[in-house]
C-alpha atoms as a PDB file:
ATOM      1  CA  MET A   1       0.020  -0.057   0.002  1.00  0.00           C
ATOM      2  CA  ARG A   2       1.320   3.397  -0.862  1.00  0.00           C
ATOM      3  CA  PHE A   3       0.674   6.616   0.969  1.00  0.00           C
ATOM      4  CA  THR A   4      -1.329   8.003  -1.786  1.00  0.00           C
ATOM      5  CA  ASP A   5      -3.840   4.878  -1.594  1.00  0.00           C
ATOM      6  CA  VAL A   6      -4.958   6.075   1.960  1.00  0.00           C
ATOM      7  CA  GLU A   7      -8.027   8.090   2.288  1.00  0.00           C
ATOM      8  CA  PHE A   8      -9.368   9.972   5.171  1.00  0.00           C
ATOM      9  CA  ASP A   9     -12.356   8.496   6.911  1.00  0.00           C
ATOM     10  CA  GLN A  10     -14.601  11.421   8.155  1.00  0.00           C
ATOM     11  CA  ASP A  11     -16.921   9.121  10.044  1.00  0.00           C
ATOM     12  CA  ALA A  12     -14.123   7.552  12.110  1.00  0.00           C
ATOM     13  CA  TRP A  13     -12.774  10.861  12.803  1.00  0.00           C
ATOM     14  CA  GLU A  14     -16.134  12.409  13.977  1.00  0.00           C
ATOM     15  CA  GLN A  15     -16.504   9.384  16.206  1.00  0.00           C
ATOM     16  CA  ALA A  16     -12.979   9.509  17.642  1.00  0.00           C
ATOM     17  CA  ARG A  17     -13.436  13.377  18.111  1.00  0.00           C
ATOM     18  CA  ARG A  18     -16.900  12.822  19.783  1.00  0.00           C
ATOM     19  CA  LYS A  19     -15.491  10.089  22.144  1.00  0.00           C
ATOM     20  CA  ALA A  20     -12.588  12.280  22.977  1.00  0.00           C
ATOM     21  CA  SER A  21     -14.658  15.336  23.802  1.00  0.00           C
ATOM     22  CA  ARG A  22     -16.646  13.504  26.501  1.00  0.00           C
ATOM     23  CA  PHE A  23     -15.988  13.777  29.959  1.00  0.00           C
ATOM     24  CA  VAL A  24     -17.710  13.767  33.553  1.00  0.00           C
ATOM     25  CA  LEU A  25     -18.043  16.913  35.423  1.00  0.00           C
ATOM     26  CA  VAL A  26     -19.533  16.240  38.896  1.00  0.00           C
ATOM     27  CA  THR A  27     -20.478  19.422  40.675  1.00  0.00           C
ATOM     28  CA  THR A  28     -22.234  20.858  43.775  1.00  0.00           C
ATOM     29  CA  VAL A  29     -23.433  23.838  42.163  1.00  0.00           C
ATOM     30  CA  PRO A  30     -27.329  24.191  42.824  1.00  0.00           C
ATOM     31  CA  LYS A  31     -30.000  24.216  40.057  1.00  0.00           C
ATOM     32  CA  GLU A  32     -29.948  27.964  40.622  1.00  0.00           C
ATOM     33  CA  TRP A  33     -26.706  29.876  41.344  1.00  0.00           C
ATOM     34  CA  LYS A  34     -26.455  33.950  41.829  1.00  0.00           C
ATOM     35  CA  GLY A  35     -29.841  34.184  40.552  1.00  0.00           C
ATOM     36  CA  GLN A  36     -29.086  32.376  37.211  1.00  0.00           C
ATOM     37  CA  PRO A  37     -30.547  28.852  36.339  1.00  0.00           C
ATOM     38  CA  MET A  38     -27.629  26.408  36.080  1.00  0.00           C
ATOM     39  CA  ASP A  39     -28.197  23.502  33.637  1.00  0.00           C
ATOM     40  CA  ALA A  40     -25.267  21.216  32.325  1.00  0.00           C
ATOM     41  CA  GLN A  41     -24.359  23.704  29.514  1.00  0.00           C
ATOM     42  CA  GLU A  42     -24.001  26.644  31.977  1.00  0.00           C
ATOM     43  CA  ILE A  43     -21.936  24.524  34.450  1.00  0.00           C
ATOM     44  CA  LEU A  44     -19.733  23.557  31.748  1.00  0.00           C
ATOM     45  CA  LYS A  45     -19.245  26.949  30.619  1.00  0.00           C
ATOM     46  CA  LEU A  46     -18.603  28.064  33.999  1.00  0.00           C
ATOM     47  CA  TYR A  47     -15.837  25.170  34.479  1.00  0.00           C
ATOM     48  CA  LYS A  48     -14.269  25.889  31.218  1.00  0.00           C
ATOM     49  CA  GLY A  49     -13.844  29.523  31.999  1.00  0.00           C
ATOM     50  CA  GLN A  50     -11.630  28.603  34.798  1.00  0.00           C
ATOM     51  CA  ILE A  51      -8.669  27.458  32.549  1.00  0.00           C
ATOM     52  CA  SER A  52      -6.719  30.416  33.277  1.00  0.00           C
ATOM     53  CA  VAL A  53      -6.887  29.721  37.113  1.00  0.00           C
ATOM     54  CA  GLU A  54      -5.922  26.069  36.270  1.00  0.00           C
ATOM     55  CA  MET A  55      -2.915  27.195  34.066  1.00  0.00           C
ATOM     56  CA  ASN A  56      -1.789  29.329  37.100  1.00  0.00           C
ATOM     57  CA  PHE A  57      -1.673  26.273  39.461  1.00  0.00           C
ATOM     58  CA  ALA A  58       0.172  23.988  36.798  1.00  0.00           C
ATOM     59  CA  PHE A  59       3.148  24.361  38.514  1.00  0.00           C
ATOM     60  CA  LEU A  60       1.946  23.023  41.618  1.00  0.00           C
ATOM     61  CA  LYS A  61       1.106  19.703  39.719  1.00  0.00           C
ATOM     62  CA  ASP A  62       4.642  19.397  38.741  1.00  0.00           C
ATOM     63  CA  PRO A  63       6.611  16.589  40.331  1.00  0.00           C
ATOM     64  CA  PHE A  64       9.491  18.821  40.853  1.00  0.00           C
ATOM     65  CA  PHE A  65       7.501  20.819  43.336  1.00  0.00           C
ATOM     66  CA  THR A  66       5.559  18.320  44.999  1.00  0.00           C
ATOM     67  CA  ASP A  67       7.204  14.912  45.054  1.00  0.00           C
ATOM     68  CA  GLU A  68       9.868  15.522  47.983  1.00  0.00           C
ATOM     69  CA  ILE A  69       7.560  17.467  50.427  1.00  0.00           C
ATOM     70  CA  TYR A  70       7.251  16.046  53.731  1.00  0.00           C
ATOM     71  CA  VAL A  71       5.236  17.450  56.599  1.00  0.00           C
ATOM     72  CA  LYS A  72       4.452  15.635  59.804  1.00  0.00           C
ATOM     73  CA  LYS A  73       1.145  17.454  60.845  1.00  0.00           C
ATOM     74  CA  PRO A  74      -1.933  18.250  58.912  1.00  0.00           C
ATOM     75  CA  GLU A  75      -1.705  21.967  60.157  1.00  0.00           C
ATOM     76  CA  ARG A  76       1.579  21.942  58.235  1.00  0.00           C
ATOM     77  CA  VAL A  77       0.007  20.878  54.896  1.00  0.00           C
ATOM     78  CA  ALA A  78      -2.378  23.701  55.273  1.00  0.00           C
ATOM     79  CA  VAL A  79       0.266  26.273  55.876  1.00  0.00           C
ATOM     80  CA  LEU A  80       2.151  24.994  52.924  1.00  0.00           C
ATOM     81  CA  GLY A  81      -0.888  25.123  50.796  1.00  0.00           C
ATOM     82  CA  TYR A  82      -1.217  28.657  51.845  1.00  0.00           C
ATOM     83  CA  LEU A  83       2.389  29.340  51.146  1.00  0.00           C
ATOM     84  CA  PHE A  84       1.943  28.203  47.596  1.00  0.00           C
ATOM     85  CA  LEU A  85      -1.115  30.625  47.260  1.00  0.00           C
ATOM     86  CA  LEU A  86       0.858  33.368  48.322  1.00  0.00           C
ATOM     87  CA  ALA A  87       3.799  32.627  46.240  1.00  0.00           C
ATOM     88  CA  LEU A  88       1.199  32.338  43.200  1.00  0.00           C
ATOM     89  CA  ALA A  89       0.006  35.758  44.226  1.00  0.00           C
ATOM     90  CA  ILE A  90       3.167  37.457  44.167  1.00  0.00           C
ATOM     91  CA  TYR A  91       4.128  35.703  41.072  1.00  0.00           C
ATOM     92  CA  ARG A  92       0.844  37.098  39.252  1.00  0.00           C
ATOM     93  CA  VAL A  93       1.430  40.626  40.720  1.00  0.00           C
ATOM     94  CA  LEU A  94       5.170  40.702  39.273  1.00  0.00           C
END
């Protein structure tokens, strides 16, 4: 088979695209939030709008920053979280 004999299968591509674009979003958002009815599309739109926040916290998910952190008490875990938030706030201001 030569490369020129290969044809694009539009149906297979559409099926794969639809399958890849599915995900489950579990939420505690009530049916009405801030005076606005919240259906599945509105919740998804709200969630997708948080991508900039997620991008800011991407470094926290990096194993370089989180693999070798050992704390003995739950209170110290909370303090470490606050320190990360403070560092992120300073980073965003600069």
